[in-house]
């Protein structure tokens, strides 16, 4: 009796899972390679900075090298480029700007590694990794540029600090001069007020003297008060107007004290 044949199973290889036909895996491998190389370059740069006497904080994407002068912020990153991709179903369904335009803009890694200095110091601020000039070979130049930038930032900061101090000194001098002017102006207003008060005092006293010269009987009563009482009342009111009643020294002292 013939043995039954075993059914054969045909296994089909998904072309998108093979090395030569998988762009997704190829991009992942490229990204992984770029990331490892980026970490290696950042590690070498950090060590070179430490050997040059700098203290490094942060990571490759956001780091700072602290020299004796000023810290230099820098980054070791992969360059990105803008690419157009089809709009999503959501954009098309809702009619968003992306959907109406027909594409979205995304950032895509390029595989090109760069070292960038922040803060816009003078001189070179970016170093690009190329086959002819890999970043590893440029590390000495990068470290020296950071040291130079640190000195430059320190000088600028000192200049800014000195300028700020000059501005503050000028402001304080202006405030002091303004205070003197205001004080002198207030003294002069009090002086003029005292001069007018003295003028009123003189007029009042002369008038009281004129009244006394014309009063024969000071015992006469007017409105419940004798003429003598009226004259004393007028003299007292006139004397209250005299700014020199306590002497000249007391008068000038009152100009400053406000009394």
C-alpha atoms as a PDB file:
ATOM      1  CA  UNK A   1       0.000   0.000   0.000  1.00  0.00           C
ATOM      2  CA  UNK A   2       1.393   3.325  -1.058  1.00  0.00           C
ATOM      3  CA  UNK A   3       2.250   5.720   1.705  1.00  0.00           C
ATOM      4  CA  UNK A   4       0.287   9.021   1.644  1.00  0.00           C
ATOM      5  CA  UNK A   5       2.298  11.939   0.408  1.00  0.00           C
ATOM      6  CA  UNK A   6       3.094  14.644   2.944  1.00  0.00           C
ATOM      7  CA  UNK A   7       1.624  17.960   1.929  1.00  0.00           C
ATOM      8  CA  UNK A   8       4.297  20.413   0.957  1.00  0.00           C
ATOM      9  CA  UNK A   9       4.336  23.891   2.425  1.00  0.00           C
ATOM     10  CA  UNK A  10       5.817  26.660   0.348  1.00  0.00           C
ATOM     11  CA  UNK A  11       7.406  29.437   2.428  1.00  0.00           C
ATOM     12  CA  UNK A  12       7.475  32.763   0.636  1.00  0.00           C
ATOM     13  CA  UNK A  13      10.135  35.244   1.687  1.00  0.00           C
ATOM     14  CA  UNK A  14       8.705  38.713   2.198  1.00  0.00           C
ATOM     15  CA  UNK A  15      10.856  40.893  -0.042  1.00  0.00           C
ATOM     16  CA  UNK A  16      10.509  43.797   2.407  1.00  0.00           C
ATOM     17  CA  UNK A  17      12.141  41.723   5.124  1.00  0.00           C
ATOM     18  CA  UNK A  18      15.225  40.920   3.113  1.00  0.00           C
ATOM     19  CA  UNK A  19      18.360  42.990   3.380  1.00  0.00           C
ATOM     20  CA  UNK A  20      18.316  44.110  -0.219  1.00  0.00           C
ATOM     21  CA  UNK A  21      14.618  45.065  -0.308  1.00  0.00           C
ATOM     22  CA  UNK A  22      13.954  46.600   3.118  1.00  0.00           C
ATOM     23  CA  UNK A  23      14.250  50.404   3.081  1.00  0.00           C
ATOM     24  CA  UNK A  24      12.817  50.573   6.582  1.00  0.00           C
ATOM     25  CA  UNK A  25      15.465  48.252   7.976  1.00  0.00           C
ATOM     26  CA  UNK A  26      18.126  49.955   5.900  1.00  0.00           C
ATOM     27  CA  UNK A  27      17.176  53.339   7.360  1.00  0.00           C
ATOM     28  CA  UNK A  28      17.130  51.862  10.862  1.00  0.00           C
ATOM     29  CA  UNK A  29      20.588  50.373  10.353  1.00  0.00           C
ATOM     30  CA  UNK A  30      21.862  53.678   8.945  1.00  0.00           C
ATOM     31  CA  UNK A  31      20.396  55.561  11.867  1.00  0.00           C
ATOM     32  CA  UNK A  32      21.913  53.141  14.317  1.00  0.00           C
ATOM     33  CA  UNK A  33      25.310  53.473  12.644  1.00  0.00           C
ATOM     34  CA  UNK A  34      25.112  57.283  12.680  1.00  0.00           C
ATOM     35  CA  UNK A  35      24.061  57.252  16.334  1.00  0.00           C
ATOM     36  CA  UNK A  36      26.956  55.027  17.355  1.00  0.00           C
ATOM     37  CA  UNK A  37      29.401  57.162  15.425  1.00  0.00           C
ATOM     38  CA  UNK A  38      27.916  60.340  16.927  1.00  0.00           C
ATOM     39  CA  UNK A  39      28.344  58.945  20.430  1.00  0.00           C
ATOM     40  CA  UNK A  40      31.914  57.903  19.655  1.00  0.00           C
ATOM     41  CA  UNK A  41      32.820  61.358  18.322  1.00  0.00           C
ATOM     42  CA  UNK A  42      31.158  63.095  21.279  1.00  0.00           C
ATOM     43  CA  UNK A  43      33.051  60.839  23.677  1.00  0.00           C
ATOM     44  CA  UNK A  44      36.386  61.645  22.021  1.00  0.00           C
ATOM     45  CA  UNK A  45      35.605  65.347  22.012  1.00  0.00           C
ATOM     46  CA  UNK A  46      34.616  65.302  25.685  1.00  0.00           C
ATOM     47  CA  UNK A  47      37.845  63.530  26.585  1.00  0.00           C
ATOM     48  CA  UNK A  48      39.906  65.985  24.522  1.00  0.00           C
ATOM     49  CA  UNK A  49      38.230  68.908  26.266  1.00  0.00           C
ATOM     50  CA  UNK A  50      38.946  67.353  29.641  1.00  0.00           C
ATOM     51  CA  UNK A  51      42.582  66.895  28.691  1.00  0.00           C
ATOM     52  CA  UNK A  52      42.673  70.586  27.726  1.00  0.00           C
ATOM     53  CA  UNK A  53      41.525  71.559  31.219  1.00  0.00           C
ATOM     54  CA  UNK A  54      37.825  72.051  30.539  1.00  0.00           C
ATOM     55  CA  UNK A  55      34.955  70.617  32.549  1.00  0.00           C
ATOM     56  CA  UNK A  56      32.181  69.221  30.340  1.00  0.00           C
ATOM     57  CA  UNK A  57      28.527  68.940  31.326  1.00  0.00           C
ATOM     58  CA  UNK A  58      25.537  67.620  29.403  1.00  0.00           C
ATOM     59  CA  UNK A  59      25.321  65.231  26.495  1.00  0.00           C
ATOM     60  CA  UNK A  60      26.039  65.291  22.787  1.00  0.00           C
ATOM     61  CA  UNK A  61      22.824  67.136  21.921  1.00  0.00           C
ATOM     62  CA  UNK A  62      23.325  69.847  24.539  1.00  0.00           C
ATOM     63  CA  UNK A  63      26.692  70.233  26.229  1.00  0.00           C
ATOM     64  CA  UNK A  64      28.821  72.953  27.771  1.00  0.00           C
ATOM     65  CA  UNK A  65      32.592  73.123  28.168  1.00  0.00           C
ATOM     66  CA  UNK A  66      33.667  75.174  31.201  1.00  0.00           C
ATOM     67  CA  UNK A  67      37.083  76.735  30.722  1.00  0.00           C
ATOM     68  CA  UNK A  68      38.655  79.190  33.157  1.00  0.00           C
ATOM     69  CA  UNK A  69      36.985  82.094  31.369  1.00  0.00           C
ATOM     70  CA  UNK A  70      33.458  81.400  30.135  1.00  0.00           C
ATOM     71  CA  UNK A  71      31.468  78.234  29.384  1.00  0.00           C
ATOM     72  CA  UNK A  72      30.981  77.337  25.735  1.00  0.00           C
ATOM     73  CA  UNK A  73      27.743  75.635  24.777  1.00  0.00           C
ATOM     74  CA  UNK A  74      27.948  73.209  21.879  1.00  0.00           C
ATOM     75  CA  UNK A  75      26.291  70.178  20.329  1.00  0.00           C
ATOM     76  CA  UNK A  76      27.306  67.125  18.367  1.00  0.00           C
ATOM     77  CA  UNK A  77      24.333  66.268  16.178  1.00  0.00           C
ATOM     78  CA  UNK A  78      23.237  64.771  12.916  1.00  0.00           C
ATOM     79  CA  UNK A  79      22.169  67.212  10.240  1.00  0.00           C
ATOM     80  CA  UNK A  80      18.533  67.114   9.224  1.00  0.00           C
ATOM     81  CA  UNK A  81      16.845  68.033   5.990  1.00  0.00           C
ATOM     82  CA  UNK A  82      13.301  68.894   5.084  1.00  0.00           C
ATOM     83  CA  UNK A  83      11.438  66.328   2.999  1.00  0.00           C
ATOM     84  CA  UNK A  84       7.934  66.262   1.613  1.00  0.00           C
ATOM     85  CA  UNK A  85       5.697  63.359   2.575  1.00  0.00           C
ATOM     86  CA  UNK A  86       2.111  62.570   1.524  1.00  0.00           C
ATOM     87  CA  UNK A  87      -0.605  63.957   3.772  1.00  0.00           C
ATOM     88  CA  UNK A  88      -2.201  61.607   6.273  1.00  0.00           C
ATOM     89  CA  UNK A  89      -5.731  60.286   5.939  1.00  0.00           C
ATOM     90  CA  UNK A  90      -6.644  62.537   8.819  1.00  0.00           C
ATOM     91  CA  UNK A  91      -5.376  65.630   6.953  1.00  0.00           C
ATOM     92  CA  UNK A  92      -7.230  64.600   3.809  1.00  0.00           C
ATOM     93  CA  UNK A  93     -10.436  63.822   5.660  1.00  0.00           C
ATOM     94  CA  UNK A  94     -10.506  67.063   7.629  1.00  0.00           C
ATOM     95  CA  UNK A  95      -9.190  69.222   4.819  1.00  0.00           C
ATOM     96  CA  UNK A  96      -6.332  70.712   6.798  1.00  0.00           C
ATOM     97  CA  UNK A  97      -3.725  72.970   5.261  1.00  0.00           C
ATOM     98  CA  UNK A  98      -1.493  69.953   4.751  1.00  0.00           C
ATOM     99  CA  UNK A  99      -4.325  68.061   3.094  1.00  0.00           C
ATOM    100  CA  UNK A 100      -5.177  70.916   0.769  1.00  0.00           C
ATOM    101  CA  UNK A 101      -1.530  71.496  -0.060  1.00  0.00           C
ATOM    102  CA  UNK A 102      -0.992  67.860  -0.863  1.00  0.00           C
ATOM    103  CA  UNK A 103       2.079  67.223   1.275  1.00  0.00           C
ATOM    104  CA  UNK A 104       3.567  67.633   4.744  1.00  0.00           C
ATOM    105  CA  UNK A 105       7.083  68.706   5.620  1.00  0.00           C
ATOM    106  CA  UNK A 106       9.169  66.550   7.937  1.00  0.00           C
ATOM    107  CA  UNK A 107      12.767  66.516   9.078  1.00  0.00           C
ATOM    108  CA  UNK A 108      14.825  63.548   7.973  1.00  0.00           C
ATOM    109  CA  UNK A 109      18.302  62.576   9.174  1.00  0.00           C
ATOM    110  CA  UNK A 110      21.022  62.949   6.566  1.00  0.00           C
ATOM    111  CA  UNK A 111      23.707  60.847   8.181  1.00  0.00           C
ATOM    112  CA  UNK A 112      26.032  63.862   8.206  1.00  0.00           C
ATOM    113  CA  UNK A 113      27.422  64.656  11.651  1.00  0.00           C
ATOM    114  CA  UNK A 114      28.376  68.155  12.750  1.00  0.00           C
ATOM    115  CA  UNK A 115      29.782  69.930  15.790  1.00  0.00           C
ATOM    116  CA  UNK A 116      28.212  73.352  16.406  1.00  0.00           C
ATOM    117  CA  UNK A 117      29.117  76.124  18.834  1.00  0.00           C
ATOM    118  CA  UNK A 118      26.298  78.238  20.253  1.00  0.00           C
ATOM    119  CA  UNK A 119      26.326  81.939  21.037  1.00  0.00           C
ATOM    120  CA  UNK A 120      27.838  83.165  17.751  1.00  0.00           C
ATOM    121  CA  UNK A 121      31.486  83.563  18.743  1.00  0.00           C
ATOM    122  CA  UNK A 122      33.847  84.944  16.094  1.00  0.00           C
ATOM    123  CA  UNK A 123      35.586  82.548  13.769  1.00  0.00           C
ATOM    124  CA  UNK A 124      34.509  79.087  12.783  1.00  0.00           C
ATOM    125  CA  UNK A 125      31.448  77.762  14.597  1.00  0.00           C
ATOM    126  CA  UNK A 126      30.643  74.522  12.738  1.00  0.00           C
ATOM    127  CA  UNK A 127      32.670  71.459  11.757  1.00  0.00           C
ATOM    128  CA  UNK A 128      31.234  68.876   9.345  1.00  0.00           C
ATOM    129  CA  UNK A 129      32.178  65.236   9.213  1.00  0.00           C
ATOM    130  CA  UNK A 130      33.356  64.239   5.715  1.00  0.00           C
ATOM    131  CA  UNK A 131      35.250  61.343   4.242  1.00  0.00           C
ATOM    132  CA  UNK A 132      38.224  63.580   3.537  1.00  0.00           C
ATOM    133  CA  UNK A 133      38.097  65.317   6.888  1.00  0.00           C
ATOM    134  CA  UNK A 134      36.440  63.176   9.592  1.00  0.00           C
ATOM    135  CA  UNK A 135      35.454  64.884  12.811  1.00  0.00           C
ATOM    136  CA  UNK A 136      37.937  62.816  14.783  1.00  0.00           C
ATOM    137  CA  UNK A 137      40.756  64.546  12.888  1.00  0.00           C
ATOM    138  CA  UNK A 138      39.193  67.975  13.528  1.00  0.00           C
ATOM    139  CA  UNK A 139      38.874  67.594  17.301  1.00  0.00           C
ATOM    140  CA  UNK A 140      42.114  69.513  18.112  1.00  0.00           C
ATOM    141  CA  UNK A 141      40.894  72.453  16.025  1.00  0.00           C
ATOM    142  CA  UNK A 142      37.474  72.286  17.699  1.00  0.00           C
ATOM    143  CA  UNK A 143      38.985  72.316  21.191  1.00  0.00           C
ATOM    144  CA  UNK A 144      41.233  75.271  20.362  1.00  0.00           C
ATOM    145  CA  UNK A 145      38.301  77.144  18.833  1.00  0.00           C
ATOM    146  CA  UNK A 146      36.305  76.562  22.029  1.00  0.00           C
ATOM    147  CA  UNK A 147      39.170  77.864  24.154  1.00  0.00           C
ATOM    148  CA  UNK A 148      39.446  80.972  21.964  1.00  0.00           C
ATOM    149  CA  UNK A 149      35.683  81.467  22.075  1.00  0.00           C
ATOM    150  CA  UNK A 150      35.738  81.177  25.861  1.00  0.00           C
ATOM    151  CA  UNK A 151      38.313  83.972  26.086  1.00  0.00           C
ATOM    152  CA  UNK A 152      36.330  86.080  23.636  1.00  0.00           C
ATOM    153  CA  UNK A 153      33.082  85.612  25.606  1.00  0.00           C
ATOM    154  CA  UNK A 154      34.917  86.476  28.815  1.00  0.00           C
ATOM    155  CA  UNK A 155      36.237  89.709  27.316  1.00  0.00           C
ATOM    156  CA  UNK A 156      32.783  90.623  26.013  1.00  0.00           C
ATOM    157  CA  UNK A 157      31.251  89.888  29.404  1.00  0.00           C
ATOM    158  CA  UNK A 158      33.840  92.045  31.157  1.00  0.00           C
ATOM    159  CA  UNK A 159      33.209  94.854  28.684  1.00  0.00           C
ATOM    160  CA  UNK A 160      29.461  94.527  29.247  1.00  0.00           C
ATOM    161  CA  UNK A 161      29.972  94.528  33.009  1.00  0.00           C
ATOM    162  CA  UNK A 162      32.171  97.628  32.826  1.00  0.00           C
ATOM    163  CA  UNK A 163      29.655  99.342  30.562  1.00  0.00           C
ATOM    164  CA  UNK A 164      26.836  98.444  32.947  1.00  0.00           C
ATOM    165  CA  UNK A 165      28.840  99.840  35.848  1.00  0.00           C
ATOM    166  CA  UNK A 166      29.454 103.082  33.949  1.00  0.00           C
ATOM    167  CA  UNK A 167      25.753 103.349  33.179  1.00  0.00           C
ATOM    168  CA  UNK A 168      24.900 102.763  36.824  1.00  0.00           C
ATOM    169  CA  UNK A 169      27.414 105.359  37.987  1.00  0.00           C
ATOM    170  CA  UNK A 170      26.011 107.820  35.478  1.00  0.00           C
ATOM    171  CA  UNK A 171      22.488 107.057  36.657  1.00  0.00           C
ATOM    172  CA  UNK A 172      23.456 107.530  40.303  1.00  0.00           C
ATOM    173  CA  UNK A 173      25.178 110.825  39.485  1.00  0.00           C
ATOM    174  CA  UNK A 174      22.072 111.967  37.621  1.00  0.00           C
ATOM    175  CA  UNK A 175      19.840 111.004  40.549  1.00  0.00           C
ATOM    176  CA  UNK A 176      22.129 112.801  43.001  1.00  0.00           C
ATOM    177  CA  UNK A 177      22.169 115.944  40.834  1.00  0.00           C
ATOM    178  CA  UNK A 178      18.414 115.776  40.415  1.00  0.00           C
ATOM    179  CA  UNK A 179      17.982 115.418  44.175  1.00  0.00           C
ATOM    180  CA  UNK A 180      20.144 118.490  44.741  1.00  0.00           C
ATOM    181  CA  UNK A 181      18.178 120.458  42.169  1.00  0.00           C
ATOM    182  CA  UNK A 182      14.883 119.436  43.728  1.00  0.00           C
ATOM    183  CA  UNK A 183      16.153 120.293  47.209  1.00  0.00           C
ATOM    184  CA  UNK A 184      17.447 123.662  46.076  1.00  0.00           C
ATOM    185  CA  UNK A 185      14.217 124.339  44.231  1.00  0.00           C
ATOM    186  CA  UNK A 186      12.194 123.547  47.333  1.00  0.00           C
ATOM    187  CA  UNK A 187      14.416 125.834  49.416  1.00  0.00           C
ATOM    188  CA  UNK A 188      13.892 128.650  46.947  1.00  0.00           C
ATOM    189  CA  UNK A 189      10.110 128.162  46.993  1.00  0.00           C
ATOM    190  CA  UNK A 190      10.193 128.413  50.777  1.00  0.00           C
ATOM    191  CA  UNK A 191      12.399 131.503  50.565  1.00  0.00           C
ATOM    192  CA  UNK A 192       9.969 133.251  48.205  1.00  0.00           C
ATOM    193  CA  UNK A 193       7.045 132.231  50.409  1.00  0.00           C
ATOM    194  CA  UNK A 194       8.885 133.680  53.426  1.00  0.00           C
ATOM    195  CA  UNK A 195       9.579 136.910  51.525  1.00  0.00           C
ATOM    196  CA  UNK A 196       5.880 137.290  50.727  1.00  0.00           C
ATOM    197  CA  UNK A 197       4.997 136.468  54.317  1.00  0.00           C
ATOM    198  CA  UNK A 198       7.440 139.127  55.537  1.00  0.00           C
ATOM    199  CA  UNK A 199       5.891 141.593  53.146  1.00  0.00           C
ATOM    200  CA  UNK A 200       2.442 140.825  54.559  1.00  0.00           C
ATOM    201  CA  UNK A 201       3.866 141.102  58.092  1.00  0.00           C
ATOM    202  CA  UNK A 202       5.357 144.526  57.351  1.00  0.00           C
ATOM    203  CA  UNK A 203       2.126 145.786  55.825  1.00  0.00           C
ATOM    204  CA  UNK A 204       0.082 144.465  58.759  1.00  0.00           C
ATOM    205  CA  UNK A 205       2.384 145.922  61.439  1.00  0.00           C
ATOM    206  CA  UNK A 206       2.462 149.320  59.741  1.00  0.00           C
ATOM    207  CA  UNK A 207      -1.289 149.268  59.532  1.00  0.00           C
ATOM    208  CA  UNK A 208      -1.578 148.414  63.236  1.00  0.00           C
ATOM    209  CA  UNK A 209       0.720 151.379  64.026  1.00  0.00           C
ATOM    210  CA  UNK A 210      -1.443 153.629  61.881  1.00  0.00           C
ATOM    211  CA  UNK A 211      -4.532 152.443  63.762  1.00  0.00           C
ATOM    212  CA  UNK A 212      -2.928 153.114  67.116  1.00  0.00           C
ATOM    213  CA  UNK A 213      -2.003 156.628  66.001  1.00  0.00           C
ATOM    214  CA  UNK A 214      -5.630 157.336  65.241  1.00  0.00           C
ATOM    215  CA  UNK A 215      -7.146 155.735  68.328  1.00  0.00           C
ATOM    216  CA  UNK A 216      -7.716 158.243  71.167  1.00  0.00           C
ATOM    217  CA  UNK A 217      -9.691 155.973  73.478  1.00  0.00           C
ATOM    218  CA  UNK A 218      -8.740 152.343  73.292  1.00  0.00           C
ATOM    219  CA  UNK A 219     -11.373 151.423  75.850  1.00  0.00           C
ATOM    220  CA  UNK A 220     -14.193 151.809  73.386  1.00  0.00           C
ATOM    221  CA  UNK A 221     -15.948 148.538  72.643  1.00  0.00           C
ATOM    222  CA  UNK A 222     -16.675 147.325  69.131  1.00  0.00           C
ATOM    223  CA  UNK A 223     -18.567 144.086  68.601  1.00  0.00           C
ATOM    224  CA  UNK A 224     -17.999 142.981  72.177  1.00  0.00           C
ATOM    225  CA  UNK A 225     -14.266 143.712  72.113  1.00  0.00           C
ATOM    226  CA  UNK A 226     -12.374 146.857  73.148  1.00  0.00           C
ATOM    227  CA  UNK A 227     -10.243 148.691  70.619  1.00  0.00           C
ATOM    228  CA  UNK A 228      -7.139 147.764  72.620  1.00  0.00           C
ATOM    229  CA  UNK A 229      -8.101 144.102  72.353  1.00  0.00           C
ATOM    230  CA  UNK A 230      -8.642 144.514  68.644  1.00  0.00           C
ATOM    231  CA  UNK A 231      -5.218 146.098  68.217  1.00  0.00           C
ATOM    232  CA  UNK A 232      -3.496 143.342  70.219  1.00  0.00           C
ATOM    233  CA  UNK A 233      -5.327 140.742  68.127  1.00  0.00           C
ATOM    234  CA  UNK A 234      -4.067 142.413  64.918  1.00  0.00           C
ATOM    235  CA  UNK A 235      -0.505 142.650  66.251  1.00  0.00           C
ATOM    236  CA  UNK A 236      -0.496 138.955  67.193  1.00  0.00           C
ATOM    237  CA  UNK A 237      -1.786 137.951  63.771  1.00  0.00           C
ATOM    238  CA  UNK A 238       0.851 140.164  62.112  1.00  0.00           C
ATOM    239  CA  UNK A 239       3.681 138.780  64.266  1.00  0.00           C
ATOM    240  CA  UNK A 240       2.700 135.242  63.214  1.00  0.00           C
ATOM    241  CA  UNK A 241       3.539 136.219  59.650  1.00  0.00           C
ATOM    242  CA  UNK A 242       7.102 137.293  60.491  1.00  0.00           C
ATOM    243  CA  UNK A 243       9.567 134.651  59.143  1.00  0.00           C
ATOM    244  CA  UNK A 244      12.401 136.372  61.062  1.00  0.00           C
ATOM    245  CA  UNK A 245      10.741 136.183  64.463  1.00  0.00           C
ATOM    246  CA  UNK A 246      13.274 133.603  65.708  1.00  0.00           C
ATOM    247  CA  UNK A 247      16.290 135.182  64.056  1.00  0.00           C
ATOM    248  CA  UNK A 248      18.073 134.825  60.707  1.00  0.00           C
ATOM    249  CA  UNK A 249      19.854 131.567  61.599  1.00  0.00           C
ATOM    250  CA  UNK A 250      16.581 129.905  62.520  1.00  0.00           C
ATOM    251  CA  UNK A 251      15.059 131.192  59.287  1.00  0.00           C
ATOM    252  CA  UNK A 252      17.734 129.656  57.057  1.00  0.00           C
ATOM    253  CA  UNK A 253      17.646 126.427  59.035  1.00  0.00           C
ATOM    254  CA  UNK A 254      13.907 126.231  58.367  1.00  0.00           C
ATOM    255  CA  UNK A 255      14.549 126.322  54.610  1.00  0.00           C
ATOM    256  CA  UNK A 256      16.226 122.915  54.814  1.00  0.00           C
ATOM    257  CA  UNK A 257      14.152 121.340  57.554  1.00  0.00           C
ATOM    258  CA  UNK A 258      10.823 122.378  56.115  1.00  0.00           C
ATOM    259  CA  UNK A 259       9.681 123.740  59.468  1.00  0.00           C
END
